């Protein structure tokens, strides 16, 4: 079942009353708690459709949510979802995440895989970067590592997207 605005975030989603809103691993992602909750749902999504639906709702809740915008653009190929000029300064992990998914969306498979490995060495877990990169890469043959990368999600996100 895909999330809908009337359904709202699940009980697993963090909805702090004040302060910055965080994703599943405690990284600040936005000032909007509902957008962060939808992003958390996208991180836990079992498939592309659910992740895309949750990302659309996250961007709808906060159009300046750079990581969610980058993920949505990479998955849909629709560049009309650009953050407004007033967005906050991105953190290092956010800039790296955005670079990984943008490189994957541009079809630069080897570069995207290298960036993803570097990114994961720094942050430990980023299920959307892994799933988006693996999803957008054309199979290059045995040893292309993308299936292995998707299969290496930590226990907190043990299920890669199904085809």
Protein backbone atom coordinates (compact mmCIF):
# COMPACT_ATOMS: atom_id res chain seq x y z
CA UNK A 1 0.00 0.00 0.00
CA UNK A 2 1.46 3.35 -0.98
CA UNK A 3 1.54 6.20 1.53
CA UNK A 4 -0.93 9.00 1.06
CA UNK A 5 -1.18 12.45 2.62
CA UNK A 6 -4.26 11.39 4.60
CA UNK A 7 -2.48 8.31 5.90
CA UNK A 8 0.35 10.35 7.43
CA UNK A 9 3.69 9.08 8.59
CA UNK A 10 3.84 5.81 10.52
CA UNK A 11 4.54 5.37 14.22
CA UNK A 12 8.18 4.59 13.25
CA UNK A 13 8.63 8.15 11.98
CA UNK A 14 10.16 10.72 14.26
CA UNK A 15 8.01 13.86 14.63
CA UNK A 16 9.80 16.16 17.08
CA UNK A 17 7.83 19.15 18.29
CA UNK A 18 10.67 21.61 17.81
CA UNK A 19 14.16 21.84 16.38
CA UNK A 20 15.68 20.22 13.32
CA UNK A 21 14.05 17.12 11.89
CA UNK A 22 16.16 14.01 11.43
CA UNK A 23 16.09 10.89 9.28
CA UNK A 24 16.31 7.30 10.50
CA UNK A 25 19.98 7.57 11.53
CA UNK A 26 19.67 10.86 13.38
CA UNK A 27 21.11 13.04 10.63
CA UNK A 28 19.44 16.42 10.33
CA UNK A 29 17.73 16.61 6.94
CA UNK A 30 15.20 19.42 7.13
CA UNK A 31 13.48 21.79 9.54
CA UNK A 32 10.14 20.21 8.64
CA UNK A 33 9.23 17.16 10.79
CA UNK A 34 6.63 15.86 8.33
CA UNK A 35 9.11 16.01 5.44
CA UNK A 36 11.67 14.13 7.56
CA UNK A 37 9.08 11.50 8.46
CA UNK A 38 8.19 10.95 4.80
CA UNK A 39 11.91 10.73 3.98
CA UNK A 40 12.29 8.09 6.69
CA UNK A 41 9.46 6.15 5.07
CA UNK A 42 11.26 6.42 1.70
CA UNK A 43 14.40 5.03 3.37
CA UNK A 44 12.42 2.02 4.60
CA UNK A 45 10.43 1.50 1.38
CA UNK A 46 10.36 -2.02 -0.01
CA UNK A 47 10.17 -0.92 -3.63
CA UNK A 48 10.65 1.93 -6.07
CA UNK A 49 6.99 2.95 -6.17
CA UNK A 50 6.70 3.34 -2.40
CA UNK A 51 9.99 5.20 -2.18
CA UNK A 52 8.97 7.58 -4.97
CA UNK A 53 5.56 8.21 -3.37
CA UNK A 54 7.15 8.98 0.01
CA UNK A 55 9.76 11.25 -1.61
CA UNK A 56 7.02 13.17 -3.43
CA UNK A 57 5.28 13.75 -0.09
CA UNK A 58 8.57 14.79 1.57
CA UNK A 59 9.25 17.34 -1.19
CA UNK A 60 5.65 18.52 -1.02
CA UNK A 61 6.06 19.12 2.73
CA UNK A 62 9.42 20.91 2.22
CA UNK A 63 10.27 22.02 -1.34
CA UNK A 64 13.76 23.07 -0.09
CA UNK A 65 14.60 19.54 1.10
CA UNK A 66 17.69 19.09 -1.11
CA UNK A 67 18.38 15.38 -0.53
CA UNK A 68 14.75 14.40 -1.14
CA UNK A 69 14.62 16.61 -4.24
CA UNK A 70 17.80 15.02 -5.62
CA UNK A 71 16.47 11.51 -4.96
CA UNK A 72 13.14 12.31 -6.62
CA UNK A 73 14.84 13.87 -9.66
CA UNK A 74 17.13 10.84 -9.99
CA UNK A 75 14.23 8.38 -9.80
CA UNK A 76 11.74 10.23 -11.97
CA UNK A 77 14.04 12.05 -14.36
CA UNK A 78 11.92 15.14 -13.74
CA UNK A 79 14.23 18.11 -13.16
CA UNK A 80 11.38 20.49 -12.29
CA UNK A 81 11.79 19.61 -8.61
CA UNK A 82 14.63 22.00 -7.78
CA UNK A 83 15.06 23.41 -4.26
CA UNK A 84 14.27 27.08 -3.87
CA UNK A 85 17.09 29.57 -3.37
CA UNK A 86 16.32 29.96 0.34
CA UNK A 87 17.38 26.49 1.38
CA UNK A 88 19.76 26.01 4.28
CA UNK A 89 23.43 25.18 3.88
CA UNK A 90 23.84 21.48 3.05
CA UNK A 91 25.99 19.30 5.28
CA UNK A 92 28.85 17.21 3.90
CA UNK A 93 26.89 13.96 3.94
CA UNK A 94 24.02 15.65 2.06
CA UNK A 95 26.34 17.03 -0.63
CA UNK A 96 27.93 13.59 -1.03
CA UNK A 97 24.52 11.88 -1.22
CA UNK A 98 23.34 14.34 -3.86
CA UNK A 99 26.53 13.86 -5.89
CA UNK A 100 26.15 10.07 -5.75
CA UNK A 101 22.53 10.00 -6.96
CA UNK A 102 23.07 12.74 -9.57
CA UNK A 103 26.09 10.87 -10.97
CA UNK A 104 24.07 7.64 -11.08
CA UNK A 105 21.18 9.43 -12.81
CA UNK A 106 23.64 10.84 -15.38
CA UNK A 107 24.59 7.26 -16.30
CA UNK A 108 28.18 7.45 -15.02
CA UNK A 109 28.16 3.96 -13.49
CA UNK A 110 31.80 3.58 -12.51
CA UNK A 111 32.04 7.06 -11.01
CA UNK A 112 28.72 6.60 -9.15
CA UNK A 113 29.91 3.29 -7.66
CA UNK A 114 33.19 4.85 -6.55
CA UNK A 115 31.40 7.84 -5.00
CA UNK A 116 28.89 5.54 -3.30
CA UNK A 117 31.63 3.42 -1.72
CA UNK A 118 33.36 6.56 -0.45
CA UNK A 119 30.06 7.95 0.83
CA UNK A 120 29.18 4.72 2.67
CA UNK A 121 32.64 4.58 4.24
CA UNK A 122 31.87 7.98 5.71
CA UNK A 123 28.21 7.67 6.75
CA UNK A 124 27.84 3.92 7.25
CA UNK A 125 24.30 3.62 5.92
CA UNK A 126 22.39 5.46 3.23
CA UNK A 127 19.73 3.12 1.86
CA UNK A 128 18.36 5.55 -0.72
CA UNK A 129 21.79 6.28 -2.19
CA UNK A 130 22.46 2.52 -2.42
CA UNK A 131 19.08 1.61 -3.91
CA UNK A 132 18.97 4.54 -6.34
CA UNK A 133 22.51 3.91 -7.57
CA UNK A 134 21.92 0.18 -7.98
CA UNK A 135 18.57 0.79 -9.67
CA UNK A 136 19.86 3.33 -12.20
CA UNK A 137 22.89 1.39 -13.33
CA UNK A 138 22.66 -0.76 -16.43
CA UNK A 139 24.13 -4.20 -15.79
CA UNK A 140 27.66 -4.25 -17.10
CA UNK A 141 28.19 -7.94 -16.58
CA UNK A 142 29.67 -10.15 -13.90
CA UNK A 143 31.54 -8.25 -11.22
CA UNK A 144 29.75 -4.91 -11.67
CA UNK A 145 29.20 -4.85 -7.86
CA UNK A 146 25.84 -3.07 -7.87
CA UNK A 147 23.86 -6.08 -6.71
CA UNK A 148 26.51 -6.69 -4.05
CA UNK A 149 26.25 -3.06 -2.88
CA UNK A 150 22.46 -3.30 -2.59
CA UNK A 151 22.84 -6.54 -0.68
CA UNK A 152 25.22 -4.93 1.83
CA UNK A 153 22.65 -2.70 3.48
CA UNK A 154 23.08 -2.88 7.26
CA UNK A 155 20.48 -4.57 9.44
CA UNK A 156 18.60 -1.29 9.88
CA UNK A 157 17.71 -1.42 6.16
CA UNK A 158 18.17 -5.06 5.32
CA UNK A 159 15.77 -5.19 2.38
CA UNK A 160 16.98 -3.83 -0.98
CA UNK A 161 14.28 -2.81 -3.42
CA UNK A 162 12.64 -5.58 -5.33
CA UNK A 163 12.48 -5.24 -9.08
